[in-house]
Amino acid sequence: MKFIVLDIEATCWKIPPPGFIQETIEIGACLLNPYGEMESTFSAFIKPVKHPQLSHFCTELTSIRQEDVDRAKKFSEVIENFYDWAELDDDESYSICTWGSFDRNQLTKDCETYDFDTDWLSNHLNVKQQYQKMRKFTKSTGLKYALEKENIEWVGKQHRALDDAKNLAKIVIKFRDNWQY
């Protein structure tokens, strides 16, 4: 089974405005083979349509600049490129790995908005949920905290999709024989 470890960033506001609808603005992913080796990565910005202007809060949190998303392709084109990159049409089994359910839920909403199939998201592994259960944590934990607990160094910038995916991949690899599907 291959692991597609992914993270997204979405439009966000400190205080959501009326009609608040989040849109994915960045996707980052790592493809791990069945042996836990990283084979390739995917990274792309996505142009938001409903709320094209990023909030100051969003830019501060993610370091994604307005010009990054202004020059980006729309969701439907990026998600098709992602689907092709991950080779989801082949017969090899896979698991979409995320830290929590937000990424999967947001991608499902975006796929539905743009009439893109969502079946590919059904093979989902909520790493956060299983990790917390495995470690018997009673409170929700962040990915950075989990890495610290495992004595794994965080690399890159937090709240950037590819960096978050690469760091999550370290947890997926470390416990790859423990995940329940």
N, C-alpha and C. Protein backbone atom coordinates (compact mmCIF):
# COMPACT_ATOMS: atom_id res chain seq x y z
N MET A 1 0.83 -1.17 0.00
CA MET A 1 0.00 0.00 0.00
C MET A 1 0.89 1.25 0.00
N LYS A 2 0.54 2.20 -0.84
CA LYS A 2 1.27 3.46 -0.81
C LYS A 2 0.52 4.45 0.07
N PHE A 3 1.27 5.39 0.62
CA PHE A 3 0.72 6.42 1.49
C PHE A 3 0.84 7.77 0.79
N ILE A 4 -0.27 8.47 0.69
CA ILE A 4 -0.28 9.82 0.15
C ILE A 4 -0.52 10.74 1.35
N VAL A 5 0.55 11.32 1.83
CA VAL A 5 0.50 12.17 3.01
C VAL A 5 0.27 13.59 2.52
N LEU A 6 -0.87 14.17 2.93
CA LEU A 6 -1.17 15.49 2.40
C LEU A 6 -1.60 16.47 3.46
N ASP A 7 -1.42 17.72 3.12
CA ASP A 7 -1.83 18.83 3.96
C ASP A 7 -2.31 19.94 3.04
N ILE A 8 -3.30 20.67 3.51
CA ILE A 8 -3.77 21.83 2.75
C ILE A 8 -3.75 23.05 3.64
N GLU A 9 -3.75 24.19 3.00
CA GLU A 9 -4.00 25.47 3.66
C GLU A 9 -5.23 26.05 2.99
N ALA A 10 -6.04 26.73 3.76
CA ALA A 10 -7.29 27.28 3.24
C ALA A 10 -7.44 28.73 3.66
N THR A 11 -8.28 29.45 2.94
CA THR A 11 -8.57 30.82 3.32
C THR A 11 -9.07 30.82 4.77
N CYS A 12 -8.68 31.85 5.50
CA CYS A 12 -9.05 31.92 6.91
C CYS A 12 -9.08 33.37 7.37
N TRP A 13 -9.82 33.58 8.41
CA TRP A 13 -9.98 34.90 8.99
C TRP A 13 -9.92 34.77 10.50
N LYS A 14 -9.43 35.80 11.17
CA LYS A 14 -9.43 35.78 12.64
C LYS A 14 -10.87 35.77 13.14
N ILE A 15 -11.71 36.60 12.54
CA ILE A 15 -13.15 36.61 12.81
C ILE A 15 -13.83 36.40 11.46
N PRO A 16 -14.43 35.23 11.25
CA PRO A 16 -15.03 34.94 9.94
C PRO A 16 -16.10 35.97 9.55
N PRO A 17 -16.03 36.46 8.32
CA PRO A 17 -17.05 37.41 7.85
C PRO A 17 -18.36 36.69 7.55
N PRO A 18 -19.45 37.44 7.40
CA PRO A 18 -20.72 36.81 7.00
C PRO A 18 -20.52 36.08 5.67
N GLY A 19 -21.13 34.92 5.54
CA GLY A 19 -20.98 34.13 4.31
C GLY A 19 -19.65 33.43 4.21
N PHE A 20 -18.99 33.26 5.32
CA PHE A 20 -17.66 32.64 5.41
C PHE A 20 -17.67 31.26 4.76
N ILE A 21 -16.90 31.12 3.70
CA ILE A 21 -16.71 29.83 3.03
C ILE A 21 -15.22 29.68 2.78
N GLN A 22 -14.63 28.67 3.40
CA GLN A 22 -13.20 28.45 3.18
C GLN A 22 -12.97 27.79 1.84
N GLU A 23 -11.83 28.12 1.25
CA GLU A 23 -11.39 27.50 0.00
C GLU A 23 -9.94 27.08 0.16
N THR A 24 -9.59 25.96 -0.41
CA THR A 24 -8.21 25.51 -0.39
C THR A 24 -7.37 26.47 -1.21
N ILE A 25 -6.23 26.89 -0.63
CA ILE A 25 -5.33 27.80 -1.35
C ILE A 25 -3.94 27.20 -1.56
N GLU A 26 -3.68 26.06 -0.92
CA GLU A 26 -2.40 25.39 -1.14
C GLU A 26 -2.57 23.92 -0.79
N ILE A 27 -1.95 23.08 -1.59
CA ILE A 27 -1.91 21.65 -1.30
C ILE A 27 -0.46 21.19 -1.40
N GLY A 28 -0.07 20.40 -0.42
CA GLY A 28 1.26 19.81 -0.41
C GLY A 28 1.11 18.34 -0.07
N ALA A 29 1.90 17.50 -0.69
CA ALA A 29 1.76 16.07 -0.43
C ALA A 29 3.08 15.35 -0.68
N CYS A 30 3.22 14.21 0.01
CA CYS A 30 4.36 13.32 -0.16
C CYS A 30 3.82 11.95 -0.52
N LEU A 31 4.45 11.30 -1.46
CA LEU A 31 4.08 9.94 -1.84
C LEU A 31 5.11 9.00 -1.23
N LEU A 32 4.62 8.12 -0.35
CA LEU A 32 5.49 7.13 0.29
C LEU A 32 5.17 5.76 -0.27
N ASN A 33 6.19 5.01 -0.60
CA ASN A 33 5.96 3.65 -1.09
C ASN A 33 5.62 2.73 0.09
N PRO A 34 5.27 1.48 -0.16
CA PRO A 34 4.90 0.57 0.93
C PRO A 34 6.00 0.35 1.99
N TYR A 35 7.23 0.69 1.64
CA TYR A 35 8.35 0.53 2.58
C TYR A 35 8.59 1.79 3.40
N GLY A 36 7.76 2.81 3.19
CA GLY A 36 7.91 4.06 3.94
C GLY A 36 8.96 4.99 3.38
N GLU A 37 9.35 4.78 2.13
CA GLU A 37 10.33 5.66 1.50
C GLU A 37 9.61 6.72 0.68
N MET A 38 10.09 7.97 0.81
CA MET A 38 9.48 9.05 0.05
C MET A 38 9.90 8.96 -1.41
N GLU A 39 8.90 8.88 -2.28
CA GLU A 39 9.19 8.76 -3.71
C GLU A 39 9.11 10.09 -4.43
N SER A 40 8.14 10.94 -4.05
CA SER A 40 8.01 12.23 -4.71
C SER A 40 7.13 13.15 -3.87
N THR A 41 7.12 14.42 -4.27
CA THR A 41 6.29 15.40 -3.57
C THR A 41 5.47 16.18 -4.59
N PHE A 42 4.42 16.80 -4.08
CA PHE A 42 3.55 17.65 -4.90
C PHE A 42 3.28 18.92 -4.11
N SER A 43 3.33 20.05 -4.78
CA SER A 43 3.05 21.32 -4.12
C SER A 43 2.46 22.29 -5.13
N ALA A 44 1.35 22.93 -4.75
CA ALA A 44 0.74 23.91 -5.64
C ALA A 44 -0.12 24.88 -4.85
N PHE A 45 -0.09 26.13 -5.29
CA PHE A 45 -1.04 27.12 -4.78
C PHE A 45 -2.31 27.00 -5.59
N ILE A 46 -3.41 27.46 -5.01
CA ILE A 46 -4.71 27.42 -5.67
C ILE A 46 -5.35 28.79 -5.55
N LYS A 47 -5.88 29.27 -6.66
CA LYS A 47 -6.51 30.59 -6.70
C LYS A 47 -7.90 30.51 -6.06
N PRO A 48 -8.15 31.25 -4.97
CA PRO A 48 -9.49 31.26 -4.38
C PRO A 48 -10.44 32.07 -5.25
N VAL A 49 -11.69 31.63 -5.34
CA VAL A 49 -12.66 32.29 -6.20
C VAL A 49 -13.72 33.03 -5.39
N LYS A 50 -14.23 32.40 -4.34
CA LYS A 50 -15.30 33.01 -3.55
C LYS A 50 -14.81 34.20 -2.74
N HIS A 51 -13.64 34.08 -2.19
CA HIS A 51 -13.00 35.16 -1.42
C HIS A 51 -11.57 35.31 -1.94
N PRO A 52 -11.40 35.97 -3.09
CA PRO A 52 -10.08 36.01 -3.72
C PRO A 52 -9.03 36.80 -2.95
N GLN A 53 -9.45 37.70 -2.08
CA GLN A 53 -8.49 38.50 -1.31
C GLN A 53 -8.19 37.80 0.01
N LEU A 54 -6.92 37.44 0.22
CA LEU A 54 -6.53 36.80 1.47
C LEU A 54 -6.60 37.81 2.61
N SER A 55 -7.02 37.34 3.76
CA SER A 55 -7.05 38.21 4.93
C SER A 55 -5.62 38.40 5.45
N HIS A 56 -5.44 39.48 6.19
CA HIS A 56 -4.14 39.72 6.82
C HIS A 56 -3.81 38.55 7.75
N PHE A 57 -4.80 38.04 8.48
CA PHE A 57 -4.62 36.91 9.38
C PHE A 57 -4.12 35.69 8.62
N CYS A 58 -4.72 35.41 7.47
CA CYS A 58 -4.34 34.24 6.67
C CYS A 58 -2.90 34.36 6.18
N THR A 59 -2.53 35.54 5.70
CA THR A 59 -1.18 35.76 5.22
C THR A 59 -0.17 35.63 6.35
N GLU A 60 -0.49 36.18 7.52
CA GLU A 60 0.40 36.07 8.68
C GLU A 60 0.55 34.62 9.13
N LEU A 61 -0.56 33.88 9.17
CA LEU A 61 -0.54 32.49 9.64
C LEU A 61 0.24 31.59 8.70
N THR A 62 -0.02 31.72 7.41
CA THR A 62 0.52 30.77 6.43
C THR A 62 1.77 31.25 5.70
N SER A 63 2.02 32.53 5.69
CA SER A 63 3.06 33.19 4.90
C SER A 63 2.78 33.11 3.39
N ILE A 64 1.57 32.70 3.04
CA ILE A 64 1.17 32.69 1.62
C ILE A 64 0.81 34.12 1.24
N ARG A 65 1.41 34.62 0.19
CA ARG A 65 1.20 35.99 -0.25
C ARG A 65 0.06 36.07 -1.25
N GLN A 66 -0.52 37.23 -1.35
CA GLN A 66 -1.61 37.46 -2.30
C GLN A 66 -1.17 37.14 -3.72
N GLU A 67 0.05 37.53 -4.07
CA GLU A 67 0.53 37.28 -5.43
C GLU A 67 0.72 35.78 -5.70
N ASP A 68 0.97 34.99 -4.66
CA ASP A 68 1.09 33.54 -4.83
C ASP A 68 -0.22 32.95 -5.34
N VAL A 69 -1.32 33.35 -4.72
CA VAL A 69 -2.62 32.80 -5.13
C VAL A 69 -3.17 33.50 -6.37
N ASP A 70 -2.83 34.76 -6.57
CA ASP A 70 -3.29 35.46 -7.78
C ASP A 70 -2.73 34.81 -9.04
N ARG A 71 -1.51 34.29 -8.97
CA ARG A 71 -0.86 33.66 -10.12
C ARG A 71 -1.19 32.17 -10.24
N ALA A 72 -1.88 31.64 -9.26
CA ALA A 72 -2.14 30.19 -9.21
C ALA A 72 -3.26 29.77 -10.15
N LYS A 73 -3.33 28.46 -10.37
CA LYS A 73 -4.41 27.87 -11.16
C LYS A 73 -5.61 27.65 -10.25
N LYS A 74 -6.76 27.49 -10.85
CA LYS A 74 -7.98 27.25 -10.08
C LYS A 74 -8.00 25.81 -9.56
N PHE A 75 -8.86 25.58 -8.58
CA PHE A 75 -8.93 24.30 -7.89
C PHE A 75 -9.06 23.12 -8.85
N SER A 76 -9.99 23.21 -9.80
CA SER A 76 -10.25 22.05 -10.68
C SER A 76 -9.00 21.60 -11.43
N GLU A 77 -8.19 22.54 -11.88
CA GLU A 77 -6.96 22.18 -12.61
C GLU A 77 -5.91 21.60 -11.66
N VAL A 78 -5.76 22.21 -10.49
CA VAL A 78 -4.76 21.72 -9.53
C VAL A 78 -5.13 20.33 -9.03
N ILE A 79 -6.40 20.10 -8.74
CA ILE A 79 -6.78 18.79 -8.19
C ILE A 79 -6.63 17.70 -9.26
N GLU A 80 -6.86 18.02 -10.51
CA GLU A 80 -6.60 17.04 -11.58
C GLU A 80 -5.11 16.72 -11.67
N ASN A 81 -4.27 17.75 -11.55
CA ASN A 81 -2.81 17.53 -11.56
C ASN A 81 -2.39 16.68 -10.36
N PHE A 82 -2.99 16.95 -9.20
CA PHE A 82 -2.69 16.17 -8.01
C PHE A 82 -3.09 14.71 -8.21
N TYR A 83 -4.29 14.50 -8.71
CA TYR A 83 -4.83 13.16 -8.94
C TYR A 83 -3.91 12.37 -9.88
N ASP A 84 -3.44 13.03 -10.94
CA ASP A 84 -2.51 12.39 -11.88
C ASP A 84 -1.16 12.10 -11.21
N TRP A 85 -0.65 13.07 -10.44
CA TRP A 85 0.63 12.89 -9.75
C TRP A 85 0.57 11.68 -8.81
N ALA A 86 -0.52 11.56 -8.06
CA ALA A 86 -0.65 10.48 -7.09
C ALA A 86 -0.98 9.14 -7.74
N GLU A 87 -1.24 9.16 -9.05
CA GLU A 87 -1.58 7.94 -9.81
C GLU A 87 -2.72 7.18 -9.15
N LEU A 88 -3.79 7.91 -8.88
CA LEU A 88 -4.93 7.31 -8.20
C LEU A 88 -5.76 6.43 -9.11
N ASP A 89 -5.48 6.45 -10.41
CA ASP A 89 -6.19 5.59 -11.35
C ASP A 89 -5.61 4.19 -11.45
N ASP A 90 -4.40 4.00 -10.91
CA ASP A 90 -3.82 2.65 -11.02
C ASP A 90 -4.48 1.73 -9.99
N ASP A 91 -4.15 0.47 -10.04
CA ASP A 91 -4.80 -0.51 -9.18
C ASP A 91 -4.13 -0.66 -7.81
N GLU A 92 -3.06 0.06 -7.57
CA GLU A 92 -2.36 -0.06 -6.29
C GLU A 92 -3.20 0.55 -5.16
N SER A 93 -3.27 -0.15 -4.05
CA SER A 93 -4.02 0.38 -2.92
C SER A 93 -3.25 1.55 -2.30
N TYR A 94 -4.00 2.46 -1.70
CA TYR A 94 -3.38 3.64 -1.11
C TYR A 94 -4.20 4.11 0.08
N SER A 95 -3.56 4.96 0.86
CA SER A 95 -4.23 5.61 1.97
C SER A 95 -3.89 7.09 1.93
N ILE A 96 -4.91 7.93 1.99
CA ILE A 96 -4.72 9.38 2.10
C ILE A 96 -4.53 9.67 3.58
N CYS A 97 -3.37 10.18 3.95
CA CYS A 97 -3.03 10.41 5.36
C CYS A 97 -3.05 11.90 5.67
N THR A 98 -3.82 12.29 6.68
CA THR A 98 -3.88 13.68 7.10
C THR A 98 -3.79 13.76 8.62
N TRP A 99 -3.43 14.93 9.10
CA TRP A 99 -3.42 15.17 10.55
C TRP A 99 -4.78 15.74 10.91
N GLY A 100 -5.69 14.88 11.31
CA GLY A 100 -7.05 15.31 11.62
C GLY A 100 -7.96 15.14 10.41
N SER A 101 -9.16 15.67 10.54
CA SER A 101 -10.15 15.50 9.47
C SER A 101 -10.36 16.76 8.64
N PHE A 102 -9.80 17.89 9.06
CA PHE A 102 -10.05 19.14 8.35
C PHE A 102 -9.67 19.05 6.87
N ASP A 103 -8.48 18.57 6.59
CA ASP A 103 -7.98 18.54 5.20
C ASP A 103 -8.89 17.71 4.30
N ARG A 104 -9.26 16.54 4.77
CA ARG A 104 -10.16 15.68 3.99
C ARG A 104 -11.52 16.35 3.80
N ASN A 105 -12.07 16.91 4.87
CA ASN A 105 -13.39 17.55 4.77
C ASN A 105 -13.36 18.75 3.83
N GLN A 106 -12.30 19.56 3.92
CA GLN A 106 -12.20 20.74 3.05
C GLN A 106 -12.03 20.32 1.59
N LEU A 107 -11.20 19.32 1.34
CA LEU A 107 -11.03 18.84 -0.04
C LEU A 107 -12.33 18.25 -0.58
N THR A 108 -13.08 17.57 0.27
CA THR A 108 -14.37 17.02 -0.15
C THR A 108 -15.31 18.15 -0.57
N LYS A 109 -15.39 19.20 0.23
CA LYS A 109 -16.25 20.35 -0.11
C LYS A 109 -15.82 20.98 -1.42
N ASP A 110 -14.50 21.19 -1.57
CA ASP A 110 -14.00 21.81 -2.80
C ASP A 110 -14.26 20.91 -4.01
N CYS A 111 -14.03 19.63 -3.88
CA CYS A 111 -14.29 18.70 -4.98
C CYS A 111 -15.77 18.73 -5.36
N GLU A 112 -16.65 18.73 -4.38
CA GLU A 112 -18.09 18.79 -4.67
C GLU A 112 -18.46 20.11 -5.36
N THR A 113 -17.87 21.21 -4.92
CA THR A 113 -18.14 22.51 -5.53
C THR A 113 -17.77 22.51 -7.01
N TYR A 114 -16.68 21.85 -7.36
CA TYR A 114 -16.19 21.85 -8.74
C TYR A 114 -16.52 20.56 -9.48
N ASP A 115 -17.49 19.80 -8.98
CA ASP A 115 -17.96 18.57 -9.63
C ASP A 115 -16.82 17.59 -9.92
N PHE A 116 -15.91 17.46 -8.95
CA PHE A 116 -14.83 16.50 -9.07
C PHE A 116 -15.14 15.34 -8.13
N ASP A 117 -14.88 14.14 -8.59
CA ASP A 117 -15.16 12.93 -7.82
C ASP A 117 -14.52 13.00 -6.43
N THR A 118 -15.22 12.52 -5.42
CA THR A 118 -14.69 12.49 -4.05
C THR A 118 -14.36 11.08 -3.56
N ASP A 119 -14.62 10.08 -4.38
CA ASP A 119 -14.36 8.69 -3.96
C ASP A 119 -12.90 8.47 -3.55
N TRP A 120 -11.98 9.16 -4.18
CA TRP A 120 -10.56 8.98 -3.89
C TRP A 120 -10.23 9.36 -2.45
N LEU A 121 -11.09 10.14 -1.80
CA LEU A 121 -10.85 10.54 -0.42
C LEU A 121 -11.37 9.54 0.61
N SER A 122 -12.03 8.49 0.14
CA SER A 122 -12.61 7.53 1.08
C SER A 122 -11.57 6.63 1.74
N ASN A 123 -10.43 6.46 1.12
CA ASN A 123 -9.34 5.66 1.71
C ASN A 123 -8.50 6.58 2.60
N HIS A 124 -9.09 7.01 3.71
CA HIS A 124 -8.50 8.04 4.55
C HIS A 124 -7.97 7.48 5.86
N LEU A 125 -6.80 7.94 6.24
CA LEU A 125 -6.21 7.61 7.53
C LEU A 125 -6.06 8.91 8.32
N ASN A 126 -6.83 9.04 9.40
CA ASN A 126 -6.73 10.19 10.29
C ASN A 126 -5.58 9.90 11.25
N VAL A 127 -4.40 10.35 10.90
CA VAL A 127 -3.20 10.04 11.66
C VAL A 127 -3.29 10.64 13.06
N LYS A 128 -3.81 11.84 13.17
CA LYS A 128 -3.93 12.51 14.47
C LYS A 128 -4.76 11.67 15.44
N GLN A 129 -5.90 11.22 14.99
CA GLN A 129 -6.81 10.44 15.83
C GLN A 129 -6.15 9.13 16.29
N GLN A 130 -5.54 8.42 15.35
CA GLN A 130 -4.92 7.15 15.71
C GLN A 130 -3.66 7.35 16.56
N TYR A 131 -2.90 8.38 16.26
CA TYR A 131 -1.69 8.66 17.04
C TYR A 131 -2.05 8.97 18.49
N GLN A 132 -3.05 9.83 18.68
CA GLN A 132 -3.46 10.21 20.03
C GLN A 132 -3.98 9.01 20.82
N LYS A 133 -4.69 8.13 20.14
CA LYS A 133 -5.20 6.91 20.79
C LYS A 133 -4.02 5.99 21.14
N MET A 134 -3.10 5.84 20.22
CA MET A 134 -1.94 4.97 20.44
C MET A 134 -1.09 5.47 21.61
N ARG A 135 -0.94 6.78 21.72
CA ARG A 135 -0.12 7.38 22.78
C ARG A 135 -0.94 7.67 24.04
N LYS A 136 -2.24 7.33 23.99
CA LYS A 136 -3.14 7.52 25.14
C LYS A 136 -3.21 8.98 25.61
N PHE A 137 -3.18 9.91 24.63
CA PHE A 137 -3.36 11.33 24.95
C PHE A 137 -4.84 11.60 25.15
N THR A 138 -5.17 12.34 26.18
CA THR A 138 -6.58 12.65 26.45
C THR A 138 -7.00 13.96 25.80
N LYS A 139 -6.03 14.80 25.43
CA LYS A 139 -6.32 16.08 24.79
C LYS A 139 -5.81 16.06 23.36
N SER A 140 -6.43 16.86 22.52
CA SER A 140 -6.01 17.00 21.14
C SER A 140 -4.59 17.58 21.10
N THR A 141 -3.79 17.08 20.20
CA THR A 141 -2.41 17.56 20.07
C THR A 141 -2.16 18.04 18.65
N GLY A 142 -1.25 18.97 18.55
CA GLY A 142 -0.83 19.44 17.24
C GLY A 142 0.28 18.58 16.68
N LEU A 143 0.50 18.69 15.39
CA LEU A 143 1.54 17.90 14.73
C LEU A 143 2.92 18.25 15.28
N LYS A 144 3.18 19.52 15.50
CA LYS A 144 4.50 19.92 16.01
C LYS A 144 4.75 19.30 17.38
N TYR A 145 3.74 19.27 18.23
CA TYR A 145 3.86 18.67 19.55
C TYR A 145 4.13 17.16 19.42
N ALA A 146 3.44 16.50 18.51
CA ALA A 146 3.65 15.06 18.31
C ALA A 146 5.08 14.78 17.87
N LEU A 147 5.62 15.59 17.00
CA LEU A 147 7.01 15.40 16.57
C LEU A 147 7.96 15.59 17.75
N GLU A 148 7.71 16.60 18.57
CA GLU A 148 8.55 16.82 19.75
C GLU A 148 8.50 15.61 20.67
N LYS A 149 7.31 15.05 20.90
CA LYS A 149 7.16 13.89 21.77
C LYS A 149 7.92 12.68 21.22
N GLU A 150 8.05 12.60 19.91
CA GLU A 150 8.75 11.48 19.27
C GLU A 150 10.23 11.78 19.02
N ASN A 151 10.68 12.93 19.51
CA ASN A 151 12.07 13.36 19.30
C ASN A 151 12.43 13.44 17.82
N ILE A 152 11.48 13.96 17.06
CA ILE A 152 11.69 14.16 15.62
C ILE A 152 11.73 15.66 15.38
N GLU A 153 12.74 16.10 14.66
CA GLU A 153 12.91 17.52 14.39
C GLU A 153 11.89 18.02 13.37
N TRP A 154 11.27 19.15 13.69
CA TRP A 154 10.39 19.84 12.74
C TRP A 154 11.29 20.53 11.72
N VAL A 155 10.98 20.38 10.46
CA VAL A 155 11.75 21.04 9.41
C VAL A 155 10.80 21.88 8.57
N GLY A 156 11.20 23.12 8.28
CA GLY A 156 10.39 23.98 7.44
C GLY A 156 9.52 24.93 8.23
N LYS A 157 8.54 25.49 7.53
CA LYS A 157 7.65 26.49 8.11
C LYS A 157 6.30 25.86 8.42
N GLN A 158 5.84 26.06 9.64
CA GLN A 158 4.53 25.56 10.04
C GLN A 158 3.45 26.31 9.26
N HIS A 159 2.38 25.62 8.94
CA HIS A 159 1.24 26.14 8.16
C HIS A 159 1.62 26.45 6.71
N ARG A 160 2.55 25.68 6.18
CA ARG A 160 2.81 25.63 4.75
C ARG A 160 2.60 24.18 4.37
N ALA A 161 1.81 23.97 3.36
CA ALA A 161 1.30 22.63 3.06
C ALA A 161 2.38 21.58 2.85
N LEU A 162 3.36 21.84 2.02
CA LEU A 162 4.37 20.81 1.76
C LEU A 162 5.23 20.55 2.99
N ASP A 163 5.62 21.59 3.71
CA ASP A 163 6.40 21.40 4.93
C ASP A 163 5.60 20.58 5.95
N ASP A 164 4.32 20.92 6.13
CA ASP A 164 3.48 20.17 7.06
C ASP A 164 3.35 18.71 6.62
N ALA A 165 3.19 18.48 5.32
CA ALA A 165 3.06 17.11 4.80
C ALA A 165 4.36 16.32 5.03
N LYS A 166 5.49 16.95 4.80
CA LYS A 166 6.78 16.27 5.01
C LYS A 166 6.96 15.90 6.48
N ASN A 167 6.57 16.80 7.37
CA ASN A 167 6.70 16.51 8.80
C ASN A 167 5.71 15.44 9.22
N LEU A 168 4.51 15.47 8.69
CA LEU A 168 3.52 14.42 8.98
C LEU A 168 4.02 13.07 8.46
N ALA A 169 4.69 13.08 7.32
CA ALA A 169 5.22 11.83 6.75
C ALA A 169 6.17 11.14 7.73
N LYS A 170 6.88 11.91 8.53
CA LYS A 170 7.80 11.32 9.52
C LYS A 170 7.04 10.48 10.54
N ILE A 171 5.88 10.96 10.96
CA ILE A 171 5.04 10.20 11.90
C ILE A 171 4.46 8.97 11.20
N VAL A 172 3.98 9.17 9.97
CA VAL A 172 3.41 8.04 9.21
C VAL A 172 4.45 6.94 9.05
N ILE A 173 5.67 7.33 8.70
CA ILE A 173 6.74 6.35 8.51
C ILE A 173 7.10 5.64 9.81
N LYS A 174 7.25 6.41 10.88
CA LYS A 174 7.66 5.83 12.16
C LYS A 174 6.69 4.75 12.64
N PHE A 175 5.40 4.97 12.41
CA PHE A 175 4.39 4.04 12.91
C PHE A 175 3.67 3.29 11.79
N ARG A 176 4.30 3.16 10.63
CA ARG A 176 3.59 2.62 9.47
C ARG A 176 3.02 1.22 9.68
N ASP A 177 3.57 0.45 10.59
CA ASP A 177 3.04 -0.89 10.85
C ASP A 177 1.93 -0.90 11.91
N ASN A 178 1.64 0.26 12.48
CA ASN A 178 0.66 0.36 13.55
C ASN A 178 -0.69 0.92 13.12
N TRP A 179 -0.78 1.49 11.93
CA TRP A 179 -2.00 2.16 11.52
C TRP A 179 -3.11 1.14 11.25
N GLN A 180 -4.32 1.49 11.62
CA GLN A 180 -5.48 0.65 11.37
C GLN A 180 -6.31 1.27 10.27
N TYR A 181 -6.69 0.46 9.30
CA TYR A 181 -7.43 0.97 8.14
C TYR A 181 -8.87 0.56 8.20
